Amino acid sequence: MNAIRALQSLGQGIWLECRVRELLESGKLEPYVERYAVTGLTSSAAFFSQAISSSTAYDHDIRMYREYGLSSEQVFYELAVEDLARAAKALAHVYNRAAGHDGFVSLDVSPFLAHSTEDLVLQATEFHRK
């Protein structure tokens, strides 16, 4: 048994921390799920920032959100949530196969909300809803 399968047999899921849009648009997510038993995705502000600044993939969406009057932080989170919602749909079969115990995506809430439990919970709830 390889190491990944051994971890899974102990109930441990394998998650990638990655540039989500790049992974989705390149078609690499499915091979990671099938070949490497990836069962979830997470991305941080650093990964999204790097992805946004090093490609033009987000330019149209950034302009659109800025035209709507969103702040830079709001634009960032709209982009991140959109990408992770797409990833969640792509992992739905993992979620179903694991009976809801795996197949998730995650994103950190804003660090600016660290001292406001109410606002932090509101943001997390909104991410989950989207």
Protein backbone atom coordinates (compact mmCIF):
# COMPACT_ATOMS: atom_id res chain seq x y z
CA MET A 1 0.00 0.00 0.00
CA ASN A 2 1.42 3.40 -0.90
CA ALA A 3 1.75 6.16 1.68
CA ILE A 4 -1.31 8.11 0.50
CA ARG A 5 -3.57 5.07 0.67
CA ALA A 6 -2.14 4.23 4.09
CA LEU A 7 -3.04 7.71 5.33
CA GLN A 8 -6.53 7.38 3.91
CA SER A 9 -7.01 4.04 5.62
CA LEU A 10 -6.41 5.93 8.88
CA GLY A 11 -9.11 8.45 7.97
CA GLN A 12 -6.76 11.19 6.82
CA GLY A 13 -7.77 13.21 3.73
CA ILE A 14 -5.22 14.66 1.35
CA TRP A 15 -5.76 18.33 0.53
CA LEU A 16 -3.95 20.64 -1.86
CA GLU A 17 -3.16 24.23 -1.09
CA CYS A 18 -3.03 25.75 -4.50
CA ARG A 19 -3.91 28.33 -7.10
CA VAL A 20 -7.45 27.10 -7.52
CA ARG A 21 -8.43 28.74 -10.83
CA GLU A 22 -5.21 27.58 -12.48
CA LEU A 23 -5.84 24.03 -11.29
CA LEU A 24 -9.44 24.07 -12.53
CA GLU A 25 -8.75 25.66 -15.90
CA SER A 26 -5.75 23.46 -16.63
CA GLY A 27 -7.79 20.31 -16.06
CA LYS A 28 -5.31 19.09 -13.44
CA LEU A 29 -7.78 18.73 -10.59
CA GLU A 30 -9.32 15.47 -11.74
CA PRO A 31 -5.95 13.71 -12.17
CA TYR A 32 -4.93 14.84 -8.69
CA VAL A 33 -8.18 13.43 -7.31
CA GLU A 34 -7.92 10.16 -9.19
CA ARG A 35 -4.17 9.53 -9.17
CA TYR A 36 -3.11 11.12 -5.90
CA ALA A 37 -6.35 10.69 -3.93
CA VAL A 38 -6.75 14.41 -3.26
CA THR A 39 -9.95 14.91 -1.29
CA GLY A 40 -10.01 18.66 -0.66
CA LEU A 41 -8.61 22.06 -1.59
CA THR A 42 -7.66 25.13 0.33
CA SER A 43 -6.17 28.40 -0.72
CA SER A 44 -4.75 31.28 1.20
CA ALA A 45 -4.57 34.99 0.56
CA ALA A 46 -0.92 34.51 -0.45
CA PHE A 47 -1.79 31.92 -3.12
CA PHE A 48 -4.62 34.04 -4.53
CA SER A 49 -2.51 37.17 -4.47
CA GLN A 50 0.24 35.39 -6.37
CA ALA A 51 -2.24 33.98 -8.89
CA ILE A 52 -3.92 37.34 -9.43
CA SER A 53 -0.67 39.25 -9.87
CA SER A 54 1.04 36.72 -12.13
CA SER A 55 -1.68 36.18 -14.74
CA THR A 56 -4.38 37.96 -16.66
CA ALA A 57 -7.01 35.32 -15.78
CA TYR A 58 -8.63 37.60 -13.19
CA ASP A 59 -8.39 40.94 -15.01
CA HIS A 60 -11.91 41.00 -16.46
CA ASP A 61 -13.51 40.02 -13.17
CA ILE A 62 -11.45 42.56 -11.23
CA ARG A 63 -12.54 45.37 -13.55
CA MET A 64 -16.17 44.26 -13.30
CA TYR A 65 -16.16 44.18 -9.48
CA ARG A 66 -14.36 47.51 -9.25
CA GLU A 67 -17.03 49.02 -11.51
CA TYR A 68 -19.61 47.78 -8.99
CA GLY A 69 -17.77 49.82 -6.36
CA LEU A 70 -16.30 46.94 -4.37
CA SER A 71 -13.21 47.56 -2.26
CA SER A 72 -9.98 45.71 -3.01
CA GLU A 73 -10.65 43.28 -0.16
CA GLN A 74 -14.21 42.66 -1.36
CA VAL A 75 -12.94 42.02 -4.90
CA PHE A 76 -10.36 39.61 -3.56
CA TYR A 77 -12.92 37.60 -1.62
CA GLU A 78 -15.42 37.56 -4.50
CA LEU A 79 -12.72 36.07 -6.75
CA ALA A 80 -11.61 33.58 -4.13
CA VAL A 81 -15.12 32.42 -3.29
CA GLU A 82 -15.99 32.03 -6.99
CA ASP A 83 -12.94 29.84 -7.57
CA LEU A 84 -13.56 27.74 -4.49
CA ALA A 85 -17.25 27.32 -5.32
CA ARG A 86 -16.19 25.92 -8.71
CA ALA A 87 -13.73 23.64 -6.95
CA ALA A 88 -16.44 22.45 -4.54
CA LYS A 89 -18.61 21.49 -7.51
CA ALA A 90 -15.68 19.63 -9.04
CA LEU A 91 -15.17 17.75 -5.75
CA ALA A 92 -18.86 16.94 -5.26
CA HIS A 93 -18.28 13.31 -6.25
CA VAL A 94 -15.58 13.03 -3.57
CA TYR A 95 -17.99 14.51 -1.01
CA ASN A 96 -20.71 12.04 -2.03
CA ARG A 97 -18.34 9.06 -2.05
CA ALA A 98 -17.09 10.01 1.42
CA ALA A 99 -20.64 10.44 2.72
CA GLY A 100 -19.91 14.07 3.60
CA HIS A 101 -16.70 13.37 5.51
CA ASP A 102 -14.41 14.79 2.81
CA GLY A 103 -14.53 16.62 -0.51
CA PHE A 104 -14.41 20.12 0.97
CA VAL A 105 -12.75 23.41 0.06
CA SER A 106 -11.66 26.11 2.48
CA LEU A 107 -10.61 29.73 2.62
CA ASP A 108 -9.41 31.84 5.51
CA VAL A 109 -11.65 34.64 6.69
CA SER A 110 -10.28 38.16 6.72
CA PRO A 111 -7.61 38.75 9.37
CA PHE A 112 -9.11 42.22 9.82
CA LEU A 113 -12.06 40.53 11.54
CA ALA A 114 -9.96 38.84 14.22
CA HIS A 115 -11.34 41.07 16.97
CA SER A 116 -14.98 40.95 15.91
CA THR A 117 -16.49 37.52 16.42
CA GLU A 118 -19.84 38.67 15.03
CA ASP A 119 -18.34 39.99 11.78
CA LEU A 120 -16.08 36.95 11.45
CA VAL A 121 -19.05 34.59 11.78
CA LEU A 122 -21.03 36.69 9.27
CA GLN A 123 -18.21 36.47 6.73
CA ALA A 124 -17.75 32.73 7.23
CA THR A 125 -21.51 32.22 6.89
CA GLU A 126 -21.55 34.24 3.67
CA PHE A 127 -18.62 32.22 2.25
CA HIS A 128 -20.48 29.02 3.07
CA ARG A 129 -23.69 30.30 1.47
CA LYS A 130 -21.88 31.18 -1.74
